[in-house]
Amino acid sequence: MGSNVTGGLVEVTCAFPSGVAAEDLLALSIERVLHRNQAQQELAGARGSGQAEDKSRNNVPGSSASGSVQQRSIKFTMPQTTCNDAGMYICSAQYFVGTIVTTATSSKSLTVTGERS
């Protein structure tokens, strides 16, 4: 995941957790924490054998999602970031450990800077 950006293209990737067998992986998702109320907004996700879907609901103009659970990672692309895109991005993976469904998460903070006029 990215860290410091000046208003350009950003790709956020959520990868398959190491040590988990491919057949045990159920879903991958990418979310961001919204500043105002700390709620999480799902940006991209893939379940089972499906392809990644852009779930940002047009809140991120020009965004796209790619990858799949079978490809072991998904990617959310923002072609032009703004200060509103700054914040914490979370990758979640759901998978089986034996017969129990487990969720693993990792997060990165994205800082967007711009030049003042």
PDB file of N, CA and C in Angstrom:
ATOM      1  N   MET A   1       0.839  -1.175   0.000  1.00  0.00           N
ATOM      2  CA  MET A   1       0.000   0.000   0.000  1.00  0.00           C
ATOM      3  C   MET A   1       0.885   1.239   0.000  1.00  0.00           C
ATOM      4  N   GLY A   2       0.354   2.352  -0.521  1.00  0.00           N
ATOM      5  CA  GLY A   2       1.123   3.580  -0.605  1.00  0.00           C
ATOM      6  C   GLY A   2       1.231   4.297   0.723  1.00  0.00           C
ATOM      7  N   SER A   3       2.080   5.310   0.782  1.00  0.00           N
ATOM      8  CA  SER A   3       2.169   6.084   2.008  1.00  0.00           C
ATOM      9  C   SER A   3       2.031   7.576   1.729  1.00  0.00           C
ATOM     10  N   ASN A   4       2.993   8.212   1.056  1.00  0.00           N
ATOM     11  CA  ASN A   4       2.892   9.635   0.751  1.00  0.00           C
ATOM     12  C   ASN A   4       2.710   9.838  -0.744  1.00  0.00           C
ATOM     13  N   VAL A   5       1.734  10.655  -1.119  1.00  0.00           N
ATOM     14  CA  VAL A   5       1.404  10.859  -2.523  1.00  0.00           C
ATOM     15  C   VAL A   5       1.122  12.338  -2.738  1.00  0.00           C
ATOM     16  N   THR A   6       1.480  12.849  -3.923  1.00  0.00           N
ATOM     17  CA  THR A   6       1.123  14.201  -4.297  1.00  0.00           C
ATOM     18  C   THR A   6       0.141  14.136  -5.450  1.00  0.00           C
ATOM     19  N   GLY A   7      -1.133  13.942  -5.123  1.00  0.00           N
ATOM     20  CA  GLY A   7      -2.218  14.041  -6.072  1.00  0.00           C
ATOM     21  C   GLY A   7      -2.192  13.166  -7.308  1.00  0.00           C
ATOM     22  N   GLY A   8      -1.455  12.085  -7.350  1.00  0.00           N
ATOM     23  CA  GLY A   8      -1.390  11.246  -8.538  1.00  0.00           C
ATOM     24  C   GLY A   8      -2.108   9.921  -8.371  1.00  0.00           C
ATOM     25  N   LEU A   9      -1.745   8.977  -9.221  1.00  0.00           N
ATOM     26  CA  LEU A   9      -2.312   7.639  -9.224  1.00  0.00           C
ATOM     27  C   LEU A   9      -1.881   6.874  -7.975  1.00  0.00           C
ATOM     28  N   VAL A  10      -2.836   6.182  -7.348  1.00  0.00           N
ATOM     29  CA  VAL A  10      -2.535   5.342  -6.194  1.00  0.00           C
ATOM     30  C   VAL A  10      -3.185   3.987  -6.420  1.00  0.00           C
ATOM     31  N   GLU A  11      -2.425   2.931  -6.169  1.00  0.00           N
ATOM     32  CA  GLU A  11      -2.940   1.571  -6.224  1.00  0.00           C
ATOM     33  C   GLU A  11      -2.791   0.953  -4.840  1.00  0.00           C
ATOM     34  N   VAL A  12      -3.902   0.474  -4.292  1.00  0.00           N
ATOM     35  CA  VAL A  12      -3.910  -0.178  -2.986  1.00  0.00           C
ATOM     36  C   VAL A  12      -4.103  -1.669  -3.244  1.00  0.00           C
ATOM     37  N   THR A  13      -3.160  -2.492  -2.783  1.00  0.00           N
ATOM     38  CA  THR A  13      -3.208  -3.925  -3.034  1.00  0.00           C
ATOM     39  C   THR A  13      -3.434  -4.686  -1.740  1.00  0.00           C
ATOM     40  N   CYS A  14      -4.293  -5.684  -1.817  1.00  0.00           N
ATOM     41  CA  CYS A  14      -4.562  -6.579  -0.695  1.00  0.00           C
ATOM     42  C   CYS A  14      -4.158  -7.976  -1.160  1.00  0.00           C
ATOM     43  N   ALA A  15      -3.133  -8.535  -0.534  1.00  0.00           N
ATOM     44  CA  ALA A  15      -2.584  -9.802  -0.986  1.00  0.00           C
ATOM     45  C   ALA A  15      -2.950 -10.956  -0.059  1.00  0.00           C
ATOM     46  N   PHE A  16      -2.866 -12.130  -0.610  1.00  0.00           N
ATOM     47  CA  PHE A  16      -3.102 -13.399   0.054  1.00  0.00           C
ATOM     48  C   PHE A  16      -2.183 -13.536   1.262  1.00  0.00           C
ATOM     49  N   PRO A  17      -2.703 -13.879   2.431  1.00  0.00           N
ATOM     50  CA  PRO A  17      -1.839 -14.030   3.610  1.00  0.00           C
ATOM     51  C   PRO A  17      -0.877 -15.198   3.445  1.00  0.00           C
ATOM     52  N   SER A  18       0.367 -15.007   3.825  1.00  0.00           N
ATOM     53  CA  SER A  18       1.337 -16.098   3.732  1.00  0.00           C
ATOM     54  C   SER A  18       0.956 -17.199   4.717  1.00  0.00           C
ATOM     55  N   GLY A  19       1.225 -18.428   4.338  1.00  0.00           N
ATOM     56  CA  GLY A  19       0.934 -19.551   5.206  1.00  0.00           C
ATOM     57  C   GLY A  19      -0.484 -20.075   5.128  1.00  0.00           C
ATOM     58  N   VAL A  20      -1.337 -19.477   4.260  1.00  0.00           N
ATOM     59  CA  VAL A  20      -2.716 -19.940   4.107  1.00  0.00           C
ATOM     60  C   VAL A  20      -2.824 -20.617   2.740  1.00  0.00           C
ATOM     61  N   ALA A  21      -3.358 -21.830   2.713  1.00  0.00           N
ATOM     62  CA  ALA A  21      -3.526 -22.555   1.462  1.00  0.00           C
ATOM     63  C   ALA A  21      -4.574 -21.870   0.595  1.00  0.00           C
ATOM     64  N   ALA A  22      -4.355 -21.866  -0.708  1.00  0.00           N
ATOM     65  CA  ALA A  22      -5.257 -21.189  -1.645  1.00  0.00           C
ATOM     66  C   ALA A  22      -6.695 -21.668  -1.507  1.00  0.00           C
ATOM     67  N   GLU A  23      -6.888 -22.938  -1.287  1.00  0.00           N
ATOM     68  CA  GLU A  23      -8.255 -23.468  -1.187  1.00  0.00           C
ATOM     69  C   GLU A  23      -8.961 -23.040   0.096  1.00  0.00           C
ATOM     70  N   ASP A  24      -8.224 -22.501   1.070  1.00  0.00           N
ATOM     71  CA  ASP A  24      -8.819 -22.058   2.329  1.00  0.00           C
ATOM     72  C   ASP A  24      -9.246 -20.595   2.321  1.00  0.00           C
ATOM     73  N   LEU A  25      -8.835 -19.829   1.318  1.00  0.00           N
ATOM     74  CA  LEU A  25      -9.161 -18.408   1.253  1.00  0.00           C
ATOM     75  C   LEU A  25     -10.596 -18.216   0.765  1.00  0.00           C
ATOM     76  N   LEU A  26     -11.373 -17.433   1.503  1.00  0.00           N
ATOM     77  CA  LEU A  26     -12.782 -17.177   1.174  1.00  0.00           C
ATOM     78  C   LEU A  26     -12.999 -15.821   0.518  1.00  0.00           C
ATOM     79  N   ALA A  27     -12.338 -14.763   1.026  1.00  0.00           N
ATOM     80  CA  ALA A  27     -12.606 -13.410   0.533  1.00  0.00           C
ATOM     81  C   ALA A  27     -11.447 -12.479   0.836  1.00  0.00           C
ATOM     82  N   LEU A  28     -11.309 -11.453  -0.003  1.00  0.00           N
ATOM     83  CA  LEU A  28     -10.362 -10.357   0.203  1.00  0.00           C
ATOM     84  C   LEU A  28     -11.137  -9.058   0.063  1.00  0.00           C
ATOM     85  N   SER A  29     -10.816  -8.055   0.875  1.00  0.00           N
ATOM     86  CA  SER A  29     -11.475  -6.754   0.723  1.00  0.00           C
ATOM     87  C   SER A  29     -10.522  -5.627   1.091  1.00  0.00           C
ATOM     88  N   ILE A  30     -10.794  -4.464   0.502  1.00  0.00           N
ATOM     89  CA  ILE A  30     -10.044  -3.239   0.792  1.00  0.00           C
ATOM     90  C   ILE A  30     -11.051  -2.199   1.252  1.00  0.00           C
ATOM     91  N   GLU A  31     -10.789  -1.593   2.408  1.00  0.00           N
ATOM     92  CA  GLU A  31     -11.661  -0.562   2.973  1.00  0.00           C
ATOM     93  C   GLU A  31     -10.826   0.631   3.374  1.00  0.00           C
ATOM     94  N   ARG A  32     -11.499   1.770   3.553  1.00  0.00           N
ATOM     95  CA  ARG A  32     -10.808   2.916   4.134  1.00  0.00           C
ATOM     96  C   ARG A  32     -11.639   3.429   5.297  1.00  0.00           C
ATOM     97  N   VAL A  33     -10.946   3.987   6.274  1.00  0.00           N
ATOM     98  CA  VAL A  33     -11.603   4.559   7.445  1.00  0.00           C
ATOM     99  C   VAL A  33     -11.939   5.999   7.111  1.00  0.00           C
ATOM    100  N   LEU A  34     -13.222   6.343   7.218  1.00  0.00           N
ATOM    101  CA  LEU A  34     -13.660   7.704   6.933  1.00  0.00           C
ATOM    102  C   LEU A  34     -13.313   8.603   8.113  1.00  0.00           C
ATOM    103  N   HIS A  35     -12.827   9.790   7.829  1.00  0.00           N
ATOM    104  CA  HIS A  35     -12.322  10.698   8.862  1.00  0.00           C
ATOM    105  C   HIS A  35     -13.357  11.114   9.891  1.00  0.00           C
ATOM    106  N   ARG A  36     -14.533  11.501   9.429  1.00  0.00           N
ATOM    107  CA  ARG A  36     -15.511  12.124  10.309  1.00  0.00           C
ATOM    108  C   ARG A  36     -16.012  11.211  11.418  1.00  0.00           C
ATOM    109  N   ASN A  37     -16.418  10.017  11.057  1.00  0.00           N
ATOM    110  CA  ASN A  37     -17.071   9.168  12.054  1.00  0.00           C
ATOM    111  C   ASN A  37     -16.367   7.834  12.280  1.00  0.00           C
ATOM    112  N   GLN A  38     -15.205   7.663  11.709  1.00  0.00           N
ATOM    113  CA  GLN A  38     -14.407   6.445  11.849  1.00  0.00           C
ATOM    114  C   GLN A  38     -15.093   5.204  11.287  1.00  0.00           C
ATOM    115  N   ALA A  39     -16.179   5.381  10.519  1.00  0.00           N
ATOM    116  CA  ALA A  39     -16.820   4.245   9.847  1.00  0.00           C
ATOM    117  C   ALA A  39     -15.904   3.767   8.729  1.00  0.00           C
ATOM    118  N   GLN A  40     -16.088   2.527   8.309  1.00  0.00           N
ATOM    119  CA  GLN A  40     -15.292   1.990   7.224  1.00  0.00           C
ATOM    120  C   GLN A  40     -16.110   1.936   5.945  1.00  0.00           C
ATOM    121  N   GLN A  41     -15.493   2.335   4.833  1.00  0.00           N
ATOM    122  CA  GLN A  41     -16.125   2.302   3.527  1.00  0.00           C
ATOM    123  C   GLN A  41     -15.439   1.227   2.702  1.00  0.00           C
ATOM    124  N   GLU A  42     -16.204   0.226   2.241  1.00  0.00           N
ATOM    125  CA  GLU A  42     -15.614  -0.817   1.398  1.00  0.00           C
ATOM    126  C   GLU A  42     -15.344  -0.240   0.015  1.00  0.00           C
ATOM    127  N   LEU A  43     -14.121  -0.429  -0.467  1.00  0.00           N
ATOM    128  CA  LEU A  43     -13.726   0.077  -1.775  1.00  0.00           C
ATOM    129  C   LEU A  43     -13.681  -1.012  -2.831  1.00  0.00           C
ATOM    130  N   ALA A  44     -13.193  -2.199  -2.460  1.00  0.00           N
ATOM    131  CA  ALA A  44     -13.077  -3.305  -3.405  1.00  0.00           C
ATOM    132  C   ALA A  44     -13.184  -4.612  -2.646  1.00  0.00           C
ATOM    133  N   GLY A  45     -13.677  -5.631  -3.339  1.00  0.00           N
ATOM    134  CA  GLY A  45     -13.782  -6.922  -2.685  1.00  0.00           C
ATOM    135  C   GLY A  45     -13.941  -8.046  -3.680  1.00  0.00           C
ATOM    136  N   ALA A  46     -13.543  -9.238  -3.271  1.00  0.00           N
ATOM    137  CA  ALA A  46     -13.711 -10.444  -4.075  1.00  0.00           C
ATOM    138  C   ALA A  46     -14.041 -11.590  -3.137  1.00  0.00           C
ATOM    139  N   ARG A  47     -14.980 -12.427  -3.555  1.00  0.00           N
ATOM    140  CA  ARG A  47     -15.394 -13.589  -2.764  1.00  0.00           C
ATOM    141  C   ARG A  47     -15.291 -14.834  -3.627  1.00  0.00           C
ATOM    142  N   GLY A  48     -14.927 -15.947  -2.996  1.00  0.00           N
ATOM    143  CA  GLY A  48     -14.892 -17.227  -3.685  1.00  0.00           C
ATOM    144  C   GLY A  48     -14.094 -17.167  -4.966  1.00  0.00           C
ATOM    145  N   SER A  49     -14.722 -17.583  -6.077  1.00  0.00           N
ATOM    146  CA  SER A  49     -14.019 -17.592  -7.363  1.00  0.00           C
ATOM    147  C   SER A  49     -14.290 -16.338  -8.180  1.00  0.00           C
ATOM    148  N   GLY A  50     -14.986 -15.350  -7.602  1.00  0.00           N
ATOM    149  CA  GLY A  50     -15.336 -14.141  -8.332  1.00  0.00           C
ATOM    150  C   GLY A  50     -14.180 -13.163  -8.488  1.00  0.00           C
ATOM    151  N   GLN A  51     -14.315 -12.300  -9.481  1.00  0.00           N
ATOM    152  CA  GLN A  51     -13.348 -11.238  -9.725  1.00  0.00           C
ATOM    153  C   GLN A  51     -13.572 -10.097  -8.732  1.00  0.00           C
ATOM    154  N   ALA A  52     -12.549  -9.285  -8.525  1.00  0.00           N
ATOM    155  CA  ALA A  52     -12.665  -8.116  -7.655  1.00  0.00           C
ATOM    156  C   ALA A  52     -13.683  -7.145  -8.237  1.00  0.00           C
ATOM    157  N   GLU A  53     -14.465  -6.526  -7.348  1.00  0.00           N
ATOM    158  CA  GLU A  53     -15.461  -5.538  -7.746  1.00  0.00           C
ATOM    159  C   GLU A  53     -15.130  -4.195  -7.111  1.00  0.00           C
ATOM    160  N   ASP A  54     -15.333  -3.122  -7.882  1.00  0.00           N
ATOM    161  CA  ASP A  54     -15.215  -1.766  -7.349  1.00  0.00           C
ATOM    162  C   ASP A  54     -16.493  -1.502  -6.562  1.00  0.00           C
ATOM    163  N   LYS A  55     -16.377  -1.333  -5.253  1.00  0.00           N
ATOM    164  CA  LYS A  55     -17.541  -1.136  -4.392  1.00  0.00           C
ATOM    165  C   LYS A  55     -17.590   0.276  -3.819  1.00  0.00           C
ATOM    166  N   SER A  56     -16.844   1.192  -4.418  1.00  0.00           N
ATOM    167  CA  SER A  56     -16.781   2.560  -3.896  1.00  0.00           C
ATOM    168  C   SER A  56     -18.037   3.361  -4.204  1.00  0.00           C
ATOM    169  N   ARG A  57     -18.953   2.814  -4.999  1.00  0.00           N
ATOM    170  CA  ARG A  57     -20.235   3.452  -5.318  1.00  0.00           C
ATOM    171  C   ARG A  57     -20.059   4.871  -5.871  1.00  0.00           C
ATOM    172  N   ASN A  58     -19.132   5.012  -6.779  1.00  0.00           N
ATOM    173  CA  ASN A  58     -18.855   6.287  -7.444  1.00  0.00           C
ATOM    174  C   ASN A  58     -18.342   7.371  -6.506  1.00  0.00           C
ATOM    175  N   ASN A  59     -17.928   7.017  -5.294  1.00  0.00           N
ATOM    176  CA  ASN A  59     -17.345   7.995  -4.378  1.00  0.00           C
ATOM    177  C   ASN A  59     -15.896   8.309  -4.717  1.00  0.00           C
ATOM    178  N   VAL A  60     -15.282   7.494  -5.554  1.00  0.00           N
ATOM    179  CA  VAL A  60     -13.904   7.715  -5.988  1.00  0.00           C
ATOM    180  C   VAL A  60     -13.936   7.767  -7.515  1.00  0.00           C
ATOM    181  N   PRO A  61     -14.019   8.974  -8.108  1.00  0.00           N
ATOM    182  CA  PRO A  61     -14.157   9.101  -9.560  1.00  0.00           C
ATOM    183  C   PRO A  61     -13.037   8.382 -10.322  1.00  0.00           C
ATOM    184  N   GLY A  62     -13.438   7.583 -11.320  1.00  0.00           N
ATOM    185  CA  GLY A  62     -12.481   6.894 -12.178  1.00  0.00           C
ATOM    186  C   GLY A  62     -11.837   5.670 -11.562  1.00  0.00           C
ATOM    187  N   SER A  63     -12.254   5.285 -10.373  1.00  0.00           N
ATOM    188  CA  SER A  63     -11.614   4.149  -9.693  1.00  0.00           C
ATOM    189  C   SER A  63     -11.940   2.841 -10.400  1.00  0.00           C
ATOM    190  N   SER A  64     -11.094   1.833 -10.118  1.00  0.00           N
ATOM    191  CA  SER A  64     -11.324   0.506 -10.669  1.00  0.00           C
ATOM    192  C   SER A  64     -10.752  -0.538  -9.716  1.00  0.00           C
ATOM    193  N   ALA A  65     -11.218  -1.772  -9.881  1.00  0.00           N
ATOM    194  CA  ALA A  65     -10.727  -2.887  -9.070  1.00  0.00           C
ATOM    195  C   ALA A  65     -10.328  -4.013 -10.009  1.00  0.00           C
ATOM    196  N   SER A  66      -9.295  -4.764  -9.620  1.00  0.00           N
ATOM    197  CA  SER A  66      -8.849  -5.898 -10.426  1.00  0.00           C
ATOM    198  C   SER A  66      -8.341  -6.987  -9.501  1.00  0.00           C
ATOM    199  N   GLY A  67      -8.133  -8.168 -10.086  1.00  0.00           N
ATOM    200  CA  GLY A  67      -7.647  -9.313  -9.322  1.00  0.00           C
ATOM    201  C   GLY A  67      -8.787 -10.200  -8.881  1.00  0.00           C
ATOM    202  N   SER A  68      -8.453 -11.227  -8.107  1.00  0.00           N
ATOM    203  CA  SER A  68      -9.447 -12.168  -7.609  1.00  0.00           C
ATOM    204  C   SER A  68      -8.838 -12.982  -6.481  1.00  0.00           C
ATOM    205  N   VAL A  69      -9.679 -13.717  -5.782  1.00  0.00           N
ATOM    206  CA  VAL A  69      -9.198 -14.620  -4.742  1.00  0.00           C
ATOM    207  C   VAL A  69      -8.287 -15.672  -5.375  1.00  0.00           C
ATOM    208  N   GLN A  70      -8.687 -16.194  -6.549  1.00  0.00           N
ATOM    209  CA  GLN A  70      -7.869 -17.199  -7.232  1.00  0.00           C
ATOM    210  C   GLN A  70      -6.507 -16.656  -7.644  1.00  0.00           C
ATOM    211  N   GLN A  71      -6.428 -15.357  -7.953  1.00  0.00           N
ATOM    212  CA  GLN A  71      -5.147 -14.736  -8.306  1.00  0.00           C
ATOM    213  C   GLN A  71      -4.338 -14.366  -7.069  1.00  0.00           C
ATOM    214  N   ARG A  72      -4.908 -14.572  -5.890  1.00  0.00           N
ATOM    215  CA  ARG A  72      -4.256 -14.373  -4.603  1.00  0.00           C
ATOM    216  C   ARG A  72      -4.095 -12.918  -4.188  1.00  0.00           C
ATOM    217  N   SER A  73      -4.704 -11.966  -4.933  1.00  0.00           N
ATOM    218  CA  SER A  73      -4.662 -10.564  -4.518  1.00  0.00           C
ATOM    219  C   SER A  73      -5.704  -9.759  -5.287  1.00  0.00           C
ATOM    220  N   ILE A  74      -6.091  -8.626  -4.693  1.00  0.00           N
ATOM    221  CA  ILE A  74      -6.951  -7.670  -5.382  1.00  0.00           C
ATOM    222  C   ILE A  74      -6.286  -6.299  -5.297  1.00  0.00           C
ATOM    223  N   LYS A  75      -6.653  -5.426  -6.241  1.00  0.00           N
ATOM    224  CA  LYS A  75      -6.064  -4.090  -6.288  1.00  0.00           C
ATOM    225  C   LYS A  75      -7.166  -3.082  -6.548  1.00  0.00           C
ATOM    226  N   PHE A  76      -7.139  -1.966  -5.810  1.00  0.00           N
ATOM    227  CA  PHE A  76      -8.048  -0.847  -6.007  1.00  0.00           C
ATOM    228  C   PHE A  76      -7.223   0.320  -6.520  1.00  0.00           C
ATOM    229  N   THR A  77      -7.615   0.886  -7.669  1.00  0.00           N
ATOM    230  CA  THR A  77      -6.851   1.957  -8.302  1.00  0.00           C
ATOM    231  C   THR A  77      -7.634   3.257  -8.260  1.00  0.00           C
ATOM    232  N   MET A  78      -6.963   4.304  -7.772  1.00  0.00           N
ATOM    233  CA  MET A  78      -7.511   5.663  -7.775  1.00  0.00           C
ATOM    234  C   MET A  78      -6.647   6.474  -8.735  1.00  0.00           C
ATOM    235  N   PRO A  79      -7.195   6.905  -9.897  1.00  0.00           N
ATOM    236  CA  PRO A  79      -6.356   7.561 -10.899  1.00  0.00           C
ATOM    237  C   PRO A  79      -5.882   8.960 -10.520  1.00  0.00           C
ATOM    238  N   GLN A  80      -6.648   9.668  -9.706  1.00  0.00           N
ATOM    239  CA  GLN A  80      -6.249  11.017  -9.302  1.00  0.00           C
ATOM    240  C   GLN A  80      -6.684  11.237  -7.858  1.00  0.00           C
ATOM    241  N   THR A  81      -5.754  11.224  -6.951  1.00  0.00           N
ATOM    242  CA  THR A  81      -6.100  11.381  -5.540  1.00  0.00           C
ATOM    243  C   THR A  81      -6.297  12.845  -5.175  1.00  0.00           C
ATOM    244  N   THR A  82      -7.104  13.046  -4.146  1.00  0.00           N
ATOM    245  CA  THR A  82      -7.297  14.375  -3.567  1.00  0.00           C
ATOM    246  C   THR A  82      -7.042  14.246  -2.065  1.00  0.00           C
ATOM    247  N   CYS A  83      -7.075  15.350  -1.369  1.00  0.00           N
ATOM    248  CA  CYS A  83      -6.883  15.318   0.085  1.00  0.00           C
ATOM    249  C   CYS A  83      -7.945  14.468   0.772  1.00  0.00           C
ATOM    250  N   ASN A  84      -9.132  14.338   0.166  1.00  0.00           N
ATOM    251  CA  ASN A  84     -10.189  13.509   0.736  1.00  0.00           C
ATOM    252  C   ASN A  84      -9.834  12.018   0.746  1.00  0.00           C
ATOM    253  N   ASP A  85      -8.869  11.615  -0.076  1.00  0.00           N
ATOM    254  CA  ASP A  85      -8.465  10.208  -0.146  1.00  0.00           C
ATOM    255  C   ASP A  85      -7.448   9.840   0.929  1.00  0.00           C
ATOM    256  N   ALA A  86      -6.942  10.825   1.650  1.00  0.00           N
ATOM    257  CA  ALA A  86      -5.972  10.550   2.713  1.00  0.00           C
ATOM    258  C   ALA A  86      -6.640   9.770   3.833  1.00  0.00           C
ATOM    259  N   GLY A  87      -5.880   8.944   4.504  1.00  0.00           N
ATOM    260  CA  GLY A  87      -6.420   8.220   5.642  1.00  0.00           C
ATOM    261  C   GLY A  87      -5.903   6.806   5.741  1.00  0.00           C
ATOM    262  N   MET A  88      -6.576   6.008   6.551  1.00  0.00           N
ATOM    263  CA  MET A  88      -6.180   4.633   6.811  1.00  0.00           C
ATOM    264  C   MET A  88      -6.901   3.698   5.849  1.00  0.00           C
ATOM    265  N   TYR A  89      -6.146   2.820   5.184  1.00  0.00           N
ATOM    266  CA  TYR A  89      -6.679   1.805   4.282  1.00  0.00           C
ATOM    267  C   TYR A  89      -6.422   0.438   4.901  1.00  0.00           C
ATOM    268  N   ILE A  90      -7.450  -0.411   4.859  1.00  0.00           N
ATOM    269  CA  ILE A  90      -7.396  -1.703   5.549  1.00  0.00           C
ATOM    270  C   ILE A  90      -7.604  -2.836   4.552  1.00  0.00           C
ATOM    271  N   CYS A  91      -6.732  -3.830   4.613  1.00  0.00           N
ATOM    272  CA  CYS A  91      -6.856  -5.056   3.830  1.00  0.00           C
ATOM    273  C   CYS A  91      -7.359  -6.145   4.765  1.00  0.00           C
ATOM    274  N   SER A  92      -8.418  -6.855   4.362  1.00  0.00           N
ATOM    275  CA  SER A  92      -8.947  -7.958   5.160  1.00  0.00           C
ATOM    276  C   SER A  92      -8.991  -9.224   4.319  1.00  0.00           C
ATOM    277  N   ALA A  93      -8.619 -10.329   4.928  1.00  0.00           N
ATOM    278  CA  ALA A  93      -8.703 -11.637   4.276  1.00  0.00           C
ATOM    279  C   ALA A  93      -9.453 -12.583   5.191  1.00  0.00           C
ATOM    280  N   GLN A  94     -10.456 -13.255   4.644  1.00  0.00           N
ATOM    281  CA  GLN A  94     -11.192 -14.274   5.400  1.00  0.00           C
ATOM    282  C   GLN A  94     -10.761 -15.639   4.867  1.00  0.00           C
ATOM    283  N   TYR A  95     -10.468 -16.562   5.798  1.00  0.00           N
ATOM    284  CA  TYR A  95     -10.021 -17.881   5.378  1.00  0.00           C
ATOM    285  C   TYR A  95     -10.300 -18.900   6.477  1.00  0.00           C
ATOM    286  N   PHE A  96     -10.264 -20.155   6.082  1.00  0.00           N
ATOM    287  CA  PHE A  96     -10.466 -21.249   7.030  1.00  0.00           C
ATOM    288  C   PHE A  96      -9.156 -21.615   7.708  1.00  0.00           C
ATOM    289  N   VAL A  97      -9.233 -21.849   9.015  1.00  0.00           N
ATOM    290  CA  VAL A  97      -8.175 -22.506   9.775  1.00  0.00           C
ATOM    291  C   VAL A  97      -8.872 -23.732  10.352  1.00  0.00           C
ATOM    292  N   GLY A  98      -8.668 -24.867   9.691  1.00  0.00           N
ATOM    293  CA  GLY A  98      -9.443 -26.052  10.044  1.00  0.00           C
ATOM    294  C   GLY A  98     -10.877 -25.826   9.633  1.00  0.00           C
ATOM    295  N   THR A  99     -11.784 -25.820  10.594  1.00  0.00           N
ATOM    296  CA  THR A  99     -13.205 -25.589  10.285  1.00  0.00           C
ATOM    297  C   THR A  99     -13.678 -24.212  10.749  1.00  0.00           C
ATOM    298  N   ILE A 100     -12.763 -23.391  11.243  1.00  0.00           N
ATOM    299  CA  ILE A 100     -13.121 -22.069  11.769  1.00  0.00           C
ATOM    300  C   ILE A 100     -12.741 -20.989  10.760  1.00  0.00           C
ATOM    301  N   VAL A 101     -13.671 -20.051  10.509  1.00  0.00           N
ATOM    302  CA  VAL A 101     -13.388 -18.920   9.625  1.00  0.00           C
ATOM    303  C   VAL A 101     -12.655 -17.851  10.428  1.00  0.00           C
ATOM    304  N   THR A 102     -11.521 -17.420   9.911  1.00  0.00           N
ATOM    305  CA  THR A 102     -10.667 -16.435  10.565  1.00  0.00           C
ATOM    306  C   THR A 102     -10.525 -15.212   9.655  1.00  0.00           C
ATOM    307  N   THR A 103     -10.376 -14.038  10.243  1.00  0.00           N
ATOM    308  CA  THR A 103     -10.132 -12.818   9.476  1.00  0.00           C
ATOM    309  C   THR A 103      -8.799 -12.221   9.902  1.00  0.00           C
ATOM    310  N   ALA A 104      -7.953 -11.944   8.922  1.00  0.00           N
ATOM    311  CA  ALA A 104      -6.678 -11.268   9.177  1.00  0.00           C
ATOM    312  C   ALA A 104      -6.738  -9.902   8.520  1.00  0.00           C
ATOM    313  N   THR A 105      -6.199  -8.881   9.183  1.00  0.00           N
ATOM    314  CA  THR A 105      -6.202  -7.537   8.620  1.00  0.00           C
ATOM    315  C   THR A 105      -4.816  -6.916   8.695  1.00  0.00           C
ATOM    316  N   SER A 106      -4.569  -6.008   7.778  1.00  0.00           N
ATOM    317  CA  SER A 106      -3.382  -5.157   7.839  1.00  0.00           C
ATOM    318  C   SER A 106      -3.816  -3.776   7.372  1.00  0.00           C
ATOM    319  N   SER A 107      -3.088  -2.754   7.768  1.00  0.00           N
ATOM    320  CA  SER A 107      -3.489  -1.403   7.391  1.00  0.00           C
ATOM    321  C   SER A 107      -2.274  -0.539   7.105  1.00  0.00           C
ATOM    322  N   LYS A 108      -2.513   0.486   6.297  1.00  0.00           N
ATOM    323  CA  LYS A 108      -1.505   1.495   5.964  1.00  0.00           C
ATOM    324  C   LYS A 108      -2.177   2.842   5.914  1.00  0.00           C
ATOM    325  N   SER A 109      -1.441   3.862   6.273  1.00  0.00           N
ATOM    326  CA  SER A 109      -1.944   5.224   6.221  1.00  0.00           C
ATOM    327  C   SER A 109      -1.473   5.870   4.912  1.00  0.00           C
ATOM    328  N   LEU A 110      -2.376   6.571   4.244  1.00  0.00           N
ATOM    329  CA  LEU A 110      -2.066   7.279   3.013  1.00  0.00           C
ATOM    330  C   LEU A 110      -2.138   8.777   3.285  1.00  0.00           C
ATOM    331  N   THR A 111      -1.049   9.484   2.987  1.00  0.00           N
ATOM    332  CA  THR A 111      -1.008  10.934   3.114  1.00  0.00           C
ATOM    333  C   THR A 111      -0.996  11.531   1.715  1.00  0.00           C
ATOM    334  N   VAL A 112      -1.903  12.461   1.442  1.00  0.00           N
ATOM    335  CA  VAL A 112      -1.958  13.130   0.149  1.00  0.00           C
ATOM    336  C   VAL A 112      -1.574  14.590   0.361  1.00  0.00           C
ATOM    337  N   THR A 113      -0.592  15.054  -0.380  1.00  0.00           N
ATOM    338  CA  THR A 113      -0.162  16.442  -0.255  1.00  0.00           C
ATOM    339  C   THR A 113      -0.405  17.159  -1.578  1.00  0.00           C
ATOM    340  N   GLY A 114      -0.625  18.440  -1.507  1.00  0.00           N
ATOM    341  CA  GLY A 114      -0.828  19.242  -2.717  1.00  0.00           C
ATOM    342  C   GLY A 114      -0.071  20.536  -2.607  1.00  0.00           C
ATOM    343  N   GLU A 115       0.123  21.169  -3.735  1.00  0.00           N
ATOM    344  CA  GLU A 115       0.820  22.461  -3.723  1.00  0.00           C
ATOM    345  C   GLU A 115      -0.200  23.574  -3.534  1.00  0.00           C
ATOM    346  N   ARG A 116       0.169  24.563  -2.737  1.00  0.00           N
ATOM    347  CA  ARG A 116      -0.704  25.717  -2.531  1.00  0.00           C
ATOM    348  C   ARG A 116      -0.540  26.714  -3.639  1.00  0.00           C
ATOM    349  N   SER A 117      -1.662  27.322  -4.004  1.00  0.00           N
ATOM    350  CA  SER A 117      -1.639  28.315  -5.097  1.00  0.00           C
ATOM    351  C   SER A 117      -1.117  29.637  -4.611  1.00  0.00           C
TER     352      SER A 117
END
